[in-house]
Each structure stands twice: as structure tokens, then as C-alpha cells.
PDB file of N, CA and C in Angstrom:
ATOM      1  N   MET A   1      18.635   7.061  -7.087  1.00  0.00           N
ATOM      2  CA  MET A   1      17.314   6.893  -7.202  1.00  0.00           C
ATOM      3  C   MET A   1      17.338   5.662  -5.841  1.00  0.00           C
ATOM      4  N   SER A   2      16.486   5.237  -5.156  1.00  0.00           N
ATOM      5  CA  SER A   2      16.641   4.454  -3.739  1.00  0.00           C
ATOM      6  C   SER A   2      16.652   3.072  -4.424  1.00  0.00           C
ATOM      7  N   ASP A   3      17.235   2.345  -4.053  1.00  0.00           N
ATOM      8  CA  ASP A   3      17.217   0.549  -3.993  1.00  0.00           C
ATOM      9  C   ASP A   3      15.880   0.176  -3.764  1.00  0.00           C
ATOM     10  N   ASN A   4      14.890   0.980  -3.203  1.00  0.00           N
ATOM     11  CA  ASN A   4      13.939   0.470  -2.648  1.00  0.00           C
ATOM     12  C   ASN A   4      12.614   1.026  -3.453  1.00  0.00           C
ATOM     13  N   PHE A   5      13.165   1.978  -4.725  1.00  0.00           N
ATOM     14  CA  PHE A   5      12.011   2.689  -5.130  1.00  0.00           C
ATOM     15  C   PHE A   5      11.213   1.261  -6.080  1.00  0.00           C
ATOM     16  N   SER A   6       9.871   1.685  -5.897  1.00  0.00           N
ATOM     17  CA  SER A   6       8.897   0.441  -6.593  1.00  0.00           C
ATOM     18  C   SER A   6       8.223   1.696  -7.405  1.00  0.00           C
ATOM     19  N   ALA A   7       8.580   1.388  -8.851  1.00  0.00           N
ATOM     20  CA  ALA A   7       7.454   2.079  -9.445  1.00  0.00           C
ATOM     21  C   ALA A   7       5.863   2.190  -9.888  1.00  0.00           C
ATOM     22  N   LYS A   8       5.503   0.457  -9.526  1.00  0.00           N
ATOM     23  CA  LYS A   8       4.270   0.586  -9.236  1.00  0.00           C
ATOM     24  C   LYS A   8       3.293   0.749  -7.865  1.00  0.00           C
ATOM     25  N   GLU A   9       4.210   0.706  -6.636  1.00  0.00           N
ATOM     26  CA  GLU A   9       4.080   1.537  -5.266  1.00  0.00           C
ATOM     27  C   GLU A   9       3.969   3.000  -5.748  1.00  0.00           C
ATOM     28  N   THR A  10       4.679   3.996  -6.311  1.00  0.00           N
ATOM     29  CA  THR A  10       4.385   4.818  -6.529  1.00  0.00           C
ATOM     30  C   THR A  10       3.472   5.558  -7.538  1.00  0.00           C
ATOM     31  N   LEU A  11       2.934   4.673  -8.446  1.00  0.00           N
ATOM     32  CA  LEU A  11       1.860   4.707  -9.459  1.00  0.00           C
ATOM     33  C   LEU A  11       0.515   4.977  -8.222  1.00  0.00           C
ATOM     34  N   ALA A  12       0.401   3.848  -7.550  1.00  0.00           N
ATOM     35  CA  ALA A  12      -0.722   3.392  -6.939  1.00  0.00           C
ATOM     36  C   ALA A  12      -0.630   4.626  -5.903  1.00  0.00           C
ATOM     37  N   ILE A  13       0.419   5.182  -5.276  1.00  0.00           N
ATOM     38  CA  ILE A  13       0.465   6.667  -4.087  1.00  0.00           C
ATOM     39  C   ILE A  13      -0.040   7.958  -5.226  1.00  0.00           C
ATOM     40  N   TYR A  14       0.701   8.255  -6.297  1.00  0.00           N
ATOM     41  CA  TYR A  14       0.950   9.444  -6.901  1.00  0.00           C
ATOM     42  C   TYR A  14      -0.060   9.450  -7.971  1.00  0.00           C
ATOM     43  N   GLY A  15      -0.269   8.044  -8.600  1.00  0.00           N
ATOM     44  CA  GLY A  15      -0.991   7.842  -9.978  1.00  0.00           C
ATOM     45  C   GLY A  15      -2.037   9.148 -10.244  1.00  0.00           C
ATOM     46  N   GLU A  16      -2.887   9.546  -9.548  1.00  0.00           N
ATOM     47  CA  GLU A  16      -3.963  10.289  -9.878  1.00  0.00           C
ATOM     48  C   GLU A  16      -3.398  12.271  -9.576  1.00  0.00           C
ATOM     49  N   CYS A  17      -2.417  12.130  -9.715  1.00  0.00           N
ATOM     50  CA  CYS A  17      -1.337  13.795  -9.138  1.00  0.00           C
ATOM     51  C   CYS A  17      -1.123  14.288 -10.410  1.00  0.00           C
ATOM     52  N   ALA A  18      -1.664  15.380 -10.766  1.00  0.00           N
ATOM     53  CA  ALA A  18      -1.149  16.257 -11.906  1.00  0.00           C
ATOM     54  C   ALA A  18       0.580  15.998 -11.916  1.00  0.00           C
ATOM     55  N   THR A  19       0.821  15.766 -13.264  1.00  0.00           N
ATOM     56  CA  THR A  19       2.225  15.294 -13.075  1.00  0.00           C
ATOM     57  C   THR A  19       3.067  16.718 -14.434  1.00  0.00           C
ATOM     58  N   THR A  20       4.001  16.957 -13.823  1.00  0.00           N
ATOM     59  CA  THR A  20       4.544  17.935 -15.066  1.00  0.00           C
ATOM     60  C   THR A  20       6.262  17.080 -15.535  1.00  0.00           C
ATOM     61  N   ILE A  21       6.170  17.147 -16.407  1.00  0.00           N
ATOM     62  CA  ILE A  21       7.521  16.625 -17.175  1.00  0.00           C
ATOM     63  C   ILE A  21       8.164  17.691 -17.623  1.00  0.00           C
ATOM     64  N   THR A  22       9.982  17.785 -17.349  1.00  0.00           N
ATOM     65  CA  THR A  22      10.419  19.060 -18.299  1.00  0.00           C
ATOM     66  C   THR A  22      11.711  17.907 -18.965  1.00  0.00           C
ATOM     67  N   PHE A  23      11.820  18.389 -20.338  1.00  0.00           N
ATOM     68  CA  PHE A  23      12.199  17.783 -20.962  1.00  0.00           C
ATOM     69  C   PHE A  23      13.425  18.672 -21.739  1.00  0.00           C
ATOM     70  N   VAL A  24      15.055  18.164 -21.450  1.00  0.00           N
ATOM     71  CA  VAL A  24      15.991  18.634 -21.994  1.00  0.00           C
ATOM     72  C   VAL A  24      16.310  18.174 -23.273  1.00  0.00           C
ATOM     73  N   ARG A  25      16.069  19.225 -24.355  1.00  0.00           N
ATOM     74  CA  ARG A  25      16.348  18.524 -25.803  1.00  0.00           C
ATOM     75  C   ARG A  25      17.913  18.553 -26.100  1.00  0.00           C
ATOM     76  N   ASN A  26      18.429  19.696 -25.435  1.00  0.00           N
ATOM     77  CA  ASN A  26      19.684  19.861 -26.004  1.00  0.00           C
ATOM     78  C   ASN A  26      20.126  20.542 -24.540  1.00  0.00           C
ATOM     79  N   GLY A  27      21.428  21.377 -24.256  1.00  0.00           N
ATOM     80  CA  GLY A  27      22.217  22.043 -23.644  1.00  0.00           C
ATOM     81  C   GLY A  27      21.440  23.270 -23.559  1.00  0.00           C
ATOM     82  N   PHE A  28      20.558  23.604 -24.480  1.00  0.00           N
ATOM     83  CA  PHE A  28      20.112  25.077 -23.981  1.00  0.00           C
ATOM     84  C   PHE A  28      18.329  24.703 -24.195  1.00  0.00           C
ATOM     85  N   LEU A  29      17.930  24.050 -24.615  1.00  0.00           N
ATOM     86  CA  LEU A  29      16.484  23.951 -24.893  1.00  0.00           C
ATOM     87  C   LEU A  29      15.453  23.264 -23.976  1.00  0.00           C
ATOM     88  N   THR A  30      14.828  23.730 -23.158  1.00  0.00           N
ATOM     89  CA  THR A  30      14.096  22.972 -22.106  1.00  0.00           C
ATOM     90  C   THR A  30      12.864  22.867 -22.703  1.00  0.00           C
ATOM     91  N   GLU A  31      11.468  22.004 -22.537  1.00  0.00           N
ATOM     92  CA  GLU A  31      10.163  22.273 -22.907  1.00  0.00           C
ATOM     93  C   GLU A  31       9.837  21.442 -21.349  1.00  0.00           C
ATOM     94  N   GLU A  32       8.532  22.181 -21.009  1.00  0.00           N
ATOM     95  CA  GLU A  32       8.017  21.598 -20.011  1.00  0.00           C
ATOM     96  C   GLU A  32       6.383  21.451 -19.993  1.00  0.00           C
ATOM     97  N   LYS A  33       5.386  20.202 -19.806  1.00  0.00           N
ATOM     98  CA  LYS A  33       4.511  19.868 -20.262  1.00  0.00           C
ATOM     99  C   LYS A  33       3.614  19.381 -18.732  1.00  0.00           C
ATOM    100  N   THR A  34       2.473  19.581 -18.696  1.00  0.00           N
ATOM    101  CA  THR A  34       2.027  19.079 -17.663  1.00  0.00           C
ATOM    102  C   THR A  34       0.760  18.151 -18.016  1.00  0.00           C
ATOM    103  N   PHE A  35       0.425  17.216 -17.117  1.00  0.00           N
ATOM    104  CA  PHE A  35      -0.248  16.326 -17.352  1.00  0.00           C
ATOM    105  C   PHE A  35      -1.261  15.817 -16.150  1.00  0.00           C
ATOM    106  N   PRO A  36      -2.763  15.649 -16.491  1.00  0.00           N
ATOM    107  CA  PRO A  36      -3.582  15.303 -15.419  1.00  0.00           C
ATOM    108  C   PRO A  36      -2.800  14.089 -14.775  1.00  0.00           C
ATOM    109  N   THR A  37      -2.667  13.208 -14.974  1.00  0.00           N
ATOM    110  CA  THR A  37      -2.048  11.873 -14.261  1.00  0.00           C
ATOM    111  C   THR A  37      -0.846  11.739 -14.578  1.00  0.00           C
ATOM    112  N   MET A  38      -0.089  10.941 -13.281  1.00  0.00           N
ATOM    113  CA  MET A  38       1.569  10.409 -13.735  1.00  0.00           C
ATOM    114  C   MET A  38       1.306   9.318 -14.589  1.00  0.00           C
ATOM    115  N   GLN A  39       0.234   8.387 -15.338  1.00  0.00           N
ATOM    116  CA  GLN A  39       0.462   7.313 -16.100  1.00  0.00           C
ATOM    117  C   GLN A  39       0.068   8.153 -17.798  1.00  0.00           C
ATOM    118  N   ASP A  40      -0.542   9.467 -17.525  1.00  0.00           N
ATOM    119  CA  ASP A  40      -0.553  10.089 -18.774  1.00  0.00           C
ATOM    120  C   ASP A  40       1.246  10.613 -19.249  1.00  0.00           C
ATOM    121  N   ALA A  41       1.700  10.929 -18.163  1.00  0.00           N
ATOM    122  CA  ALA A  41       2.892  11.833 -18.641  1.00  0.00           C
ATOM    123  C   ALA A  41       3.925  10.801 -18.783  1.00  0.00           C
ATOM    124  N   ILE A  42       4.087   9.331 -18.248  1.00  0.00           N
ATOM    125  CA  ILE A  42       4.881   8.555 -18.738  1.00  0.00           C
ATOM    126  C   ILE A  42       4.612   7.960 -19.810  1.00  0.00           C
ATOM    127  N   ASP A  43       3.293   7.506 -19.874  1.00  0.00           N
ATOM    128  CA  ASP A  43       3.132   7.035 -21.639  1.00  0.00           C
ATOM    129  C   ASP A  43       3.624   7.869 -22.576  1.00  0.00           C
ATOM    130  N   HIS A  44       3.304   9.520 -22.373  1.00  0.00           N
ATOM    131  CA  HIS A  44       3.917  10.737 -23.095  1.00  0.00           C
ATOM    132  C   HIS A  44       5.332  10.183 -23.277  1.00  0.00           C
ATOM    133  N   VAL A  45       6.050  10.135 -22.409  1.00  0.00           N
ATOM    134  CA  VAL A  45       7.537  10.311 -22.665  1.00  0.00           C
ATOM    135  C   VAL A  45       7.711   8.859 -23.663  1.00  0.00           C
ATOM    136  N   LYS A  46       7.100   7.919 -22.889  1.00  0.00           N
ATOM    137  CA  LYS A  46       7.480   6.589 -24.015  1.00  0.00           C
ATOM    138  C   LYS A  46       7.077   6.861 -25.669  1.00  0.00           C
ATOM    139  N   ALA A  47       6.162   7.244 -25.991  1.00  0.00           N
ATOM    140  CA  ALA A  47       6.155   7.830 -27.213  1.00  0.00           C
ATOM    141  C   ALA A  47       6.634   8.841 -28.163  1.00  0.00           C
ATOM    142  N   PHE A  48       8.221   8.992 -27.497  1.00  0.00           N
ATOM    143  CA  PHE A  48       8.891   9.674 -28.013  1.00  0.00           C
ATOM    144  C   PHE A  48       9.805   8.698 -28.962  1.00  0.00           C
ATOM    145  N   ASP A  49       9.864   9.320 -30.010  1.00  0.00           N
ATOM    146  CA  ASP A  49      10.701   8.640 -30.989  1.00  0.00           C
ATOM    147  C   ASP A  49      11.893   8.832 -31.038  1.00  0.00           C
ATOM    148  N   ALA A  50      12.635  10.141 -30.244  1.00  0.00           N
ATOM    149  CA  ALA A  50      14.226   9.995 -29.943  1.00  0.00           C
ATOM    150  C   ALA A  50      13.845  10.555 -28.667  1.00  0.00           C
ATOM    151  N   THR A  51      14.740  10.166 -27.512  1.00  0.00           N
ATOM    152  CA  THR A  51      14.317  10.031 -26.597  1.00  0.00           C
ATOM    153  C   THR A  51      15.336  11.597 -26.136  1.00  0.00           C
ATOM    154  N   PRO A  52      14.655  11.933 -25.140  1.00  0.00           N
ATOM    155  CA  PRO A  52      15.337  13.839 -24.499  1.00  0.00           C
ATOM    156  C   PRO A  52      16.687  13.272 -24.165  1.00  0.00           C
ATOM    157  N   LEU A  53      17.596  14.616 -23.720  1.00  0.00           N
ATOM    158  CA  LEU A  53      18.608  13.941 -23.216  1.00  0.00           C
ATOM    159  C   LEU A  53      18.484  14.034 -21.659  1.00  0.00           C
ATOM    160  N   GLY A  54      17.622  14.613 -21.181  1.00  0.00           N
ATOM    161  CA  GLY A  54      16.972  14.469 -20.258  1.00  0.00           C
ATOM    162  C   GLY A  54      15.512  14.702 -19.707  1.00  0.00           C
ATOM    163  N   VAL A  55      15.211  14.098 -18.515  1.00  0.00           N
ATOM    164  CA  VAL A  55      13.676  14.046 -18.521  1.00  0.00           C
ATOM    165  C   VAL A  55      13.488  14.296 -16.862  1.00  0.00           C
ATOM    166  N   VAL A  56      12.952  15.023 -16.124  1.00  0.00           N
ATOM    167  CA  VAL A  56      12.777  15.341 -14.940  1.00  0.00           C
ATOM    168  C   VAL A  56      10.781  15.379 -14.825  1.00  0.00           C
ATOM    169  N   LEU A  57      10.885  14.836 -13.853  1.00  0.00           N
ATOM    170  CA  LEU A  57       8.916  14.356 -13.828  1.00  0.00           C
ATOM    171  C   LEU A  57       8.973  15.097 -12.168  1.00  0.00           C
ATOM    172  N   HIS A  58       7.928  15.556 -12.120  1.00  0.00           N
ATOM    173  CA  HIS A  58       7.144  16.371 -10.632  1.00  0.00           C
ATOM    174  C   HIS A  58       5.851  16.195 -10.865  1.00  0.00           C
ATOM    175  N   ILE A  59       5.939  15.763  -9.170  1.00  0.00           N
ATOM    176  CA  ILE A  59       4.420  15.202  -9.319  1.00  0.00           C
ATOM    177  C   ILE A  59       3.495  16.370  -8.058  1.00  0.00           C
ATOM    178  N   ARG A  60       2.713  16.702  -8.280  1.00  0.00           N
ATOM    179  CA  ARG A  60       1.909  18.014  -7.598  1.00  0.00           C
ATOM    180  C   ARG A  60       1.087  17.619  -6.842  1.00  0.00           C
ATOM    181  N   VAL A  61       1.059  17.655  -5.659  1.00  0.00           N
ATOM    182  CA  VAL A  61       0.659  16.769  -4.311  1.00  0.00           C
ATOM    183  C   VAL A  61       0.916  17.583  -3.303  1.00  0.00           C
ATOM    184  N   HIS A  62      -0.338  17.900  -2.399  1.00  0.00           N
ATOM    185  CA  HIS A  62      -0.067  18.606  -1.304  1.00  0.00           C
ATOM    186  C   HIS A  62       0.076  19.912  -1.178  1.00  0.00           C
ATOM    187  N   GLY A  63       0.513  20.701  -2.492  1.00  0.00           N
ATOM    188  CA  GLY A  63       1.001  21.825  -2.466  1.00  0.00           C
ATOM    189  C   GLY A  63       2.207  22.349  -2.749  1.00  0.00           C
ATOM    190  N   ARG A  64       2.837  21.052  -2.959  1.00  0.00           N
ATOM    191  CA  ARG A  64       4.337  21.000  -3.020  1.00  0.00           C
ATOM    192  C   ARG A  64       4.279  19.859  -4.420  1.00  0.00           C
ATOM    193  N   ASN A  65       5.912  19.982  -5.112  1.00  0.00           N
ATOM    194  CA  ASN A  65       6.349  19.414  -6.575  1.00  0.00           C
ATOM    195  C   ASN A  65       7.247  18.626  -5.381  1.00  0.00           C
ATOM    196  N   ILE A  66       6.956  16.964  -6.198  1.00  0.00           N
ATOM    197  CA  ILE A  66       7.771  16.101  -5.611  1.00  0.00           C
ATOM    198  C   ILE A  66       8.998  15.660  -7.075  1.00  0.00           C
ATOM    199  N   PRO A  67      10.007  15.991  -6.765  1.00  0.00           N
ATOM    200  CA  PRO A  67      11.113  16.067  -8.311  1.00  0.00           C
ATOM    201  C   PRO A  67      11.315  14.186  -8.134  1.00  0.00           C
ATOM    202  N   PHE A  68      11.369  13.876  -9.307  1.00  0.00           N
ATOM    203  CA  PHE A  68      11.769  12.279  -9.705  1.00  0.00           C
ATOM    204  C   PHE A  68      13.135  12.309 -10.469  1.00  0.00           C
ATOM    205  N   ASP A  69      14.053  11.984 -10.151  1.00  0.00           N
ATOM    206  CA  ASP A  69      15.574  11.769 -11.160  1.00  0.00           C
ATOM    207  C   ASP A  69      15.010  11.521 -12.246  1.00  0.00           C
ATOM    208  N   ARG A  70      16.170  10.987 -12.817  1.00  0.00           N
ATOM    209  CA  ARG A  70      16.261  10.063 -14.354  1.00  0.00           C
ATOM    210  C   ARG A  70      16.164   8.974 -14.149  1.00  0.00           C
ATOM    211  N   ASP A  71      17.098   8.356 -12.980  1.00  0.00           N
ATOM    212  CA  ASP A  71      16.965   7.198 -12.689  1.00  0.00           C
ATOM    213  C   ASP A  71      15.611   6.605 -12.653  1.00  0.00           C
ATOM    214  N   SER A  72      14.576   7.069 -11.598  1.00  0.00           N
ATOM    215  CA  SER A  72      13.341   6.788 -11.155  1.00  0.00           C
ATOM    216  C   SER A  72      12.333   7.027 -12.720  1.00  0.00           C
ATOM    217  N   VAL A  73      12.583   7.840 -13.323  1.00  0.00           N
ATOM    218  CA  VAL A  73      12.047   7.789 -14.447  1.00  0.00           C
ATOM    219  C   VAL A  73      12.117   7.348 -15.268  1.00  0.00           C
ATOM    220  N   ALA A  74      13.176   6.599 -16.002  1.00  0.00           N
ATOM    221  CA  ALA A  74      13.531   5.418 -16.504  1.00  0.00           C
ATOM    222  C   ALA A  74      12.973   4.219 -15.817  1.00  0.00           C
ATOM    223  N   LYS A  75      13.378   4.003 -14.332  1.00  0.00           N
ATOM    224  CA  LYS A  75      12.398   2.531 -13.945  1.00  0.00           C
ATOM    225  C   LYS A  75      11.012   2.783 -13.962  1.00  0.00           C
ATOM    226  N   LEU A  76       9.944   4.037 -13.789  1.00  0.00           N
ATOM    227  CA  LEU A  76       8.982   4.052 -14.465  1.00  0.00           C
ATOM    228  C   LEU A  76       8.495   3.836 -15.568  1.00  0.00           C
ATOM    229  N   MET A  77       9.373   4.256 -16.741  1.00  0.00           N
ATOM    230  CA  MET A  77       9.378   3.681 -17.750  1.00  0.00           C
ATOM    231  C   MET A  77       8.924   2.626 -18.322  1.00  0.00           C
ATOM    232  N   ARG A  78      10.452   1.893 -18.121  1.00  0.00           N
ATOM    233  CA  ARG A  78      10.308   0.612 -17.744  1.00  0.00           C
ATOM    234  C   ARG A  78       9.187  -0.782 -17.518  1.00  0.00           C
ATOM    235  N   GLU A  79       8.601  -0.229 -16.012  1.00  0.00           N
ATOM    236  CA  GLU A  79       7.980  -1.115 -15.172  1.00  0.00           C
ATOM    237  C   GLU A  79       6.395  -0.647 -15.634  1.00  0.00           C
ATOM    238  N   LEU A  80       6.338   0.147 -16.293  1.00  0.00           N
ATOM    239  CA  LEU A  80       4.525   1.045 -15.898  1.00  0.00           C
ATOM    240  C   LEU A  80       3.695   0.636 -17.505  1.00  0.00           C
TER     241      LEU A  80
END
């Protein structure tokens, strides 16, 4: 994660974009779910009782997927 990463700025830019989250439940089991907005995706992850081993967030914009790493997802969850 860049030191300059801003959760609020990211939400302002990509907040209305469809967002897919890939959850890693254990070393072998993954689950993928797509949400209409970035905030919906973040809210879903925050609602988990048990935190998955890993979370990868992908924003779909201009025909491309923009991945966010674990540190960036953690910062989004803390600040949004």
C-alpha cells in the first residue's frame, strides 16, 4: 500500500463502481462476490463475524479490474 493511499479519496473516485471481493476462507476455499458499489462491498466485509484469511478487492472501471491489496482493504475498512 502506498503511504499516500486515501480511503476517502478512493471512495470518491471509485465509490459508484461495481466491486468484486474475493474471500480466502482457508488455504483451499475461496469465495467471490460482486456488489453494485464499493461501499456495499466494504460494508459486507465489515459485517463478517470471523475475518477471512485474506480479502482481495477488485474495482471494475473502464473495462478493467483494479485490484486492492490486503493493506489497502484494511485501511478502507478502518476509515469508511
